[in-house]
Amino acid sequence: MAIQVGEKAPDFELKDNHGRTVRLSDFRGEKNVVVIFYPFAFTGVCTGELCEVRDNLLRFADRDTQVLAVSNDSIHTLRVFAEQEGLEYPLLSDFWPHGEVSRAYGVLDEDKGCAVRGTFVIDKEGVVRWSVVNALPDARDLGEYVAALDTL
């Protein structure tokens, strides 16, 4: 089961598509964070969702928010994916230990070995303020993330 609104977001430390370490706690007290779990790079729905985020980054920046996208792909796969699609926000690799962060957030599909489509809006204090979890084929509505940020 996914973590619930009102709970403290589990901290994590993952490598991004450039090999840099990113910690959720690095943003505490500084920025809101939208953590977007997605199944796999280079797949149709995932590419569409992440490109929509790319095209709307100013909407997040205007709300003092950092976007972090997490998949179970390797950093090497994520680097090529980001370059191909022009994604300039961090793509984080939950590759090894496989799915540890996805599991902590309750969005790992153990049978398929990938995260389902979970999104968590986390405030500057590290508390989950809004979330949605969709099945693998079901895209999410970016407008819902932005509306949730407007309530913070």
C-alpha atoms as a PDB file:
ATOM      1  CA  MET A   1       0.000   0.000   0.000  1.00  0.00           C
ATOM      2  CA  ALA A   2       1.264   3.469  -0.910  1.00  0.00           C
ATOM      3  CA  ILE A   3       2.257   5.900   1.810  1.00  0.00           C
ATOM      4  CA  GLN A   4      -0.610   8.118   2.837  1.00  0.00           C
ATOM      5  CA  VAL A   5      -1.269  11.838   2.850  1.00  0.00           C
ATOM      6  CA  GLY A   6      -0.149  13.292   6.188  1.00  0.00           C
ATOM      7  CA  GLU A   7       2.736  10.826   6.595  1.00  0.00           C
ATOM      8  CA  LYS A   8       6.374  11.825   6.596  1.00  0.00           C
ATOM      9  CA  ALA A   9       7.827  10.974   3.180  1.00  0.00           C
ATOM     10  CA  PRO A  10      10.513   8.291   3.421  1.00  0.00           C
ATOM     11  CA  ASP A  11      13.889   9.875   2.820  1.00  0.00           C
ATOM     12  CA  PHE A  12      15.991   8.405   0.045  1.00  0.00           C
ATOM     13  CA  GLU A  13      19.350   8.747  -1.635  1.00  0.00           C
ATOM     14  CA  LEU A  14      19.548   7.855  -5.335  1.00  0.00           C
ATOM     15  CA  LYS A  15      21.843   8.562  -8.264  1.00  0.00           C
ATOM     16  CA  ASP A  16      20.505  10.758 -11.051  1.00  0.00           C
ATOM     17  CA  ASN A  17      21.020  10.389 -14.783  1.00  0.00           C
ATOM     18  CA  HIS A  18      24.417  12.125 -14.440  1.00  0.00           C
ATOM     19  CA  GLY A  19      25.606   9.955 -11.554  1.00  0.00           C
ATOM     20  CA  ARG A  20      25.059  12.674  -8.926  1.00  0.00           C
ATOM     21  CA  THR A  21      23.606  11.734  -5.554  1.00  0.00           C
ATOM     22  CA  VAL A  22      20.194  13.250  -4.819  1.00  0.00           C
ATOM     23  CA  ARG A  23      18.592  13.044  -1.369  1.00  0.00           C
ATOM     24  CA  LEU A  24      15.000  13.976  -0.689  1.00  0.00           C
ATOM     25  CA  SER A  25      16.110  15.516   2.603  1.00  0.00           C
ATOM     26  CA  ASP A  26      18.354  17.973   0.704  1.00  0.00           C
ATOM     27  CA  PHE A  27      15.197  19.904  -0.205  1.00  0.00           C
ATOM     28  CA  ARG A  28      13.720  19.989   3.317  1.00  0.00           C
ATOM     29  CA  GLY A  29      13.043  23.539   4.439  1.00  0.00           C
ATOM     30  CA  GLU A  30      13.933  24.814   0.950  1.00  0.00           C
ATOM     31  CA  LYS A  31      11.469  23.501  -1.649  1.00  0.00           C
ATOM     32  CA  ASN A  32       8.348  21.447  -2.102  1.00  0.00           C
ATOM     33  CA  VAL A  33       9.058  18.237  -4.022  1.00  0.00           C
ATOM     34  CA  VAL A  34       6.969  16.296  -6.520  1.00  0.00           C
ATOM     35  CA  VAL A  35       8.215  12.702  -6.687  1.00  0.00           C
ATOM     36  CA  ILE A  36       6.993  10.964  -9.833  1.00  0.00           C
ATOM     37  CA  PHE A  37       7.455   7.193 -10.001  1.00  0.00           C
ATOM     38  CA  TYR A  38       7.160   5.732 -13.494  1.00  0.00           C
ATOM     39  CA  PRO A  39       7.623   2.196 -14.868  1.00  0.00           C
ATOM     40  CA  PHE A  40      10.245   2.443 -17.630  1.00  0.00           C
ATOM     41  CA  ALA A  41      12.132   4.938 -19.770  1.00  0.00           C
ATOM     42  CA  PHE A  42      11.431   4.872 -23.514  1.00  0.00           C
ATOM     43  CA  THR A  43       7.866   3.575 -23.151  1.00  0.00           C
ATOM     44  CA  GLY A  44       4.939   5.470 -24.642  1.00  0.00           C
ATOM     45  CA  VAL A  45       2.930   6.573 -21.608  1.00  0.00           C
ATOM     46  CA  CYS A  46       6.053   7.294 -19.518  1.00  0.00           C
ATOM     47  CA  THR A  47       7.621   9.378 -22.272  1.00  0.00           C
ATOM     48  CA  GLY A  48       4.378  11.322 -22.711  1.00  0.00           C
ATOM     49  CA  GLU A  49       4.042  12.050 -18.989  1.00  0.00           C
ATOM     50  CA  LEU A  50       7.665  13.090 -18.504  1.00  0.00           C
ATOM     51  CA  CYS A  51       7.657  15.298 -21.608  1.00  0.00           C
ATOM     52  CA  GLU A  52       4.512  17.010 -20.317  1.00  0.00           C
ATOM     53  CA  VAL A  53       6.379  17.735 -17.076  1.00  0.00           C
ATOM     54  CA  ARG A  54       9.328  19.043 -19.153  1.00  0.00           C
ATOM     55  CA  ASP A  55       6.994  21.368 -21.041  1.00  0.00           C
ATOM     56  CA  ASN A  56       5.522  22.687 -17.776  1.00  0.00           C
ATOM     57  CA  LEU A  57       8.623  23.042 -15.565  1.00  0.00           C
ATOM     58  CA  LEU A  58       7.934  26.744 -15.029  1.00  0.00           C
ATOM     59  CA  ARG A  59       4.629  25.856 -13.376  1.00  0.00           C
ATOM     60  CA  PHE A  60       6.603  23.896 -10.779  1.00  0.00           C
ATOM     61  CA  ALA A  61       9.384  26.481 -10.422  1.00  0.00           C
ATOM     62  CA  ASP A  62       6.771  29.207  -9.882  1.00  0.00           C
ATOM     63  CA  ARG A  63       5.492  27.138  -6.945  1.00  0.00           C
ATOM     64  CA  ASP A  64       8.963  26.704  -5.399  1.00  0.00           C
ATOM     65  CA  THR A  65       8.938  23.007  -6.292  1.00  0.00           C
ATOM     66  CA  GLN A  66      11.554  20.496  -7.398  1.00  0.00           C
ATOM     67  CA  VAL A  67      10.475  17.628  -9.645  1.00  0.00           C
ATOM     68  CA  LEU A  68      12.171  14.256  -9.132  1.00  0.00           C
ATOM     69  CA  ALA A  69      11.277  11.389 -11.470  1.00  0.00           C
ATOM     70  CA  VAL A  70      12.110   7.854 -10.262  1.00  0.00           C
ATOM     71  CA  SER A  71      12.238   4.589 -12.189  1.00  0.00           C
ATOM     72  CA  ASN A  72      13.930   1.232 -11.763  1.00  0.00           C
ATOM     73  CA  ASP A  73      16.076   1.814 -14.867  1.00  0.00           C
ATOM     74  CA  SER A  74      19.879   2.141 -14.642  1.00  0.00           C
ATOM     75  CA  ILE A  75      21.494   5.591 -14.620  1.00  0.00           C
ATOM     76  CA  HIS A  76      22.939   4.826 -18.066  1.00  0.00           C
ATOM     77  CA  THR A  77      19.484   4.199 -19.524  1.00  0.00           C
ATOM     78  CA  LEU A  78      18.171   7.343 -17.849  1.00  0.00           C
ATOM     79  CA  ARG A  79      21.032   9.446 -19.219  1.00  0.00           C
ATOM     80  CA  VAL A  80      20.244   8.456 -22.815  1.00  0.00           C
ATOM     81  CA  PHE A  81      16.495   8.858 -22.233  1.00  0.00           C
ATOM     82  CA  ALA A  82      16.947  12.372 -20.776  1.00  0.00           C
ATOM     83  CA  GLU A  83      19.208  13.424 -23.637  1.00  0.00           C
ATOM     84  CA  GLN A  84      16.841  12.051 -26.279  1.00  0.00           C
ATOM     85  CA  GLU A  85      13.767  13.738 -24.776  1.00  0.00           C
ATOM     86  CA  GLY A  86      15.398  16.954 -23.513  1.00  0.00           C
ATOM     87  CA  LEU A  87      14.515  16.232 -19.873  1.00  0.00           C
ATOM     88  CA  GLU A  88      16.411  18.695 -17.695  1.00  0.00           C
ATOM     89  CA  TYR A  89      15.102  17.705 -14.287  1.00  0.00           C
ATOM     90  CA  PRO A  90      16.620  14.802 -12.314  1.00  0.00           C
ATOM     91  CA  LEU A  91      15.751  11.271 -13.400  1.00  0.00           C
ATOM     92  CA  LEU A  92      16.621   9.059 -10.440  1.00  0.00           C
ATOM     93  CA  SER A  93      17.617   5.416 -10.658  1.00  0.00           C
ATOM     94  CA  ASP A  94      16.032   3.017  -8.161  1.00  0.00           C
ATOM     95  CA  PHE A  95      17.920   0.202  -9.881  1.00  0.00           C
ATOM     96  CA  TRP A  96      19.968  -1.193  -7.001  1.00  0.00           C
ATOM     97  CA  PRO A  97      19.081  -2.355  -4.481  1.00  0.00           C
ATOM     98  CA  HIS A  98      16.322  -3.001  -6.978  1.00  0.00           C
ATOM     99  CA  GLY A  99      13.172  -1.041  -6.192  1.00  0.00           C
ATOM    100  CA  GLU A 100      14.119  -0.161  -2.616  1.00  0.00           C
ATOM    101  CA  VAL A 101      12.677   3.368  -2.778  1.00  0.00           C
ATOM    102  CA  SER A 102       9.675   2.316  -4.872  1.00  0.00           C
ATOM    103  CA  ARG A 103       8.962  -0.345  -2.252  1.00  0.00           C
ATOM    104  CA  ALA A 104       9.306   2.202   0.598  1.00  0.00           C
ATOM    105  CA  TYR A 105       6.661   4.371  -1.094  1.00  0.00           C
ATOM    106  CA  GLY A 106       4.415   1.353  -1.712  1.00  0.00           C
ATOM    107  CA  VAL A 107       4.461   1.607  -5.500  1.00  0.00           C
ATOM    108  CA  LEU A 108       6.664  -1.325  -6.579  1.00  0.00           C
ATOM    109  CA  ASP A 109       4.937  -3.987  -8.657  1.00  0.00           C
ATOM    110  CA  GLU A 110       6.934  -6.964  -7.374  1.00  0.00           C
ATOM    111  CA  ASP A 111       5.787  -9.259 -10.184  1.00  0.00           C
ATOM    112  CA  LYS A 112       6.839  -6.886 -12.962  1.00  0.00           C
ATOM    113  CA  GLY A 113       9.897  -5.469 -11.178  1.00  0.00           C
ATOM    114  CA  CYS A 114       8.955  -1.856 -11.774  1.00  0.00           C
ATOM    115  CA  ALA A 115       7.152   1.016 -10.115  1.00  0.00           C
ATOM    116  CA  VAL A 116       3.531   1.711 -10.925  1.00  0.00           C
ATOM    117  CA  ARG A 117       2.554   5.322 -11.648  1.00  0.00           C
ATOM    118  CA  GLY A 118       2.709   6.951  -8.226  1.00  0.00           C
ATOM    119  CA  THR A 119       3.053  10.684  -7.640  1.00  0.00           C
ATOM    120  CA  PHE A 120       3.650  12.291  -4.250  1.00  0.00           C
ATOM    121  CA  VAL A 121       3.516  16.018  -3.487  1.00  0.00           C
ATOM    122  CA  ILE A 122       5.761  16.620  -0.494  1.00  0.00           C
ATOM    123  CA  ASP A 123       5.849  19.938   1.358  1.00  0.00           C
ATOM    124  CA  LYS A 124       8.944  21.747   2.601  1.00  0.00           C
ATOM    125  CA  GLU A 125       8.713  19.933   5.934  1.00  0.00           C
ATOM    126  CA  GLY A 126       8.855  16.538   4.240  1.00  0.00           C
ATOM    127  CA  VAL A 127       5.190  15.605   4.703  1.00  0.00           C
ATOM    128  CA  VAL A 128       3.123  14.024   1.916  1.00  0.00           C
ATOM    129  CA  ARG A 129       0.290  16.470   1.133  1.00  0.00           C
ATOM    130  CA  TRP A 130      -1.209  14.807  -1.949  1.00  0.00           C
ATOM    131  CA  SER A 131      -0.753  11.587  -3.876  1.00  0.00           C
ATOM    132  CA  VAL A 132      -2.136   9.530  -6.709  1.00  0.00           C
ATOM    133  CA  VAL A 133      -1.291   5.969  -7.703  1.00  0.00           C
ATOM    134  CA  ASN A 134      -2.353   4.667 -11.103  1.00  0.00           C
ATOM    135  CA  ALA A 135      -1.964   1.289 -12.754  1.00  0.00           C
ATOM    136  CA  LEU A 136       0.801   0.811 -15.327  1.00  0.00           C
ATOM    137  CA  PRO A 137      -1.212   1.787 -18.427  1.00  0.00           C
ATOM    138  CA  ASP A 138      -3.015   4.780 -16.878  1.00  0.00           C
ATOM    139  CA  ALA A 139      -1.428   8.215 -17.390  1.00  0.00           C
ATOM    140  CA  ARG A 140      -1.709  10.843 -14.677  1.00  0.00           C
ATOM    141  CA  ASP A 141      -3.070  14.393 -14.969  1.00  0.00           C
ATOM    142  CA  LEU A 142      -0.316  16.984 -14.472  1.00  0.00           C
ATOM    143  CA  GLY A 143      -2.938  19.610 -13.671  1.00  0.00           C
ATOM    144  CA  GLU A 144      -3.770  17.681 -10.496  1.00  0.00           C
ATOM    145  CA  TYR A 145      -0.164  18.007  -9.242  1.00  0.00           C
ATOM    146  CA  VAL A 146      -0.210  21.744  -9.851  1.00  0.00           C
ATOM    147  CA  ALA A 147      -3.585  22.150  -8.135  1.00  0.00           C
ATOM    148  CA  ALA A 148      -2.239  20.211  -5.133  1.00  0.00           C
ATOM    149  CA  LEU A 149       0.811  22.497  -4.967  1.00  0.00           C
ATOM    150  CA  ASP A 150      -1.476  25.521  -4.947  1.00  0.00           C
ATOM    151  CA  THR A 151      -2.953  24.307  -1.637  1.00  0.00           C
ATOM    152  CA  LEU A 152       0.418  24.352   0.158  1.00  0.00           C
END
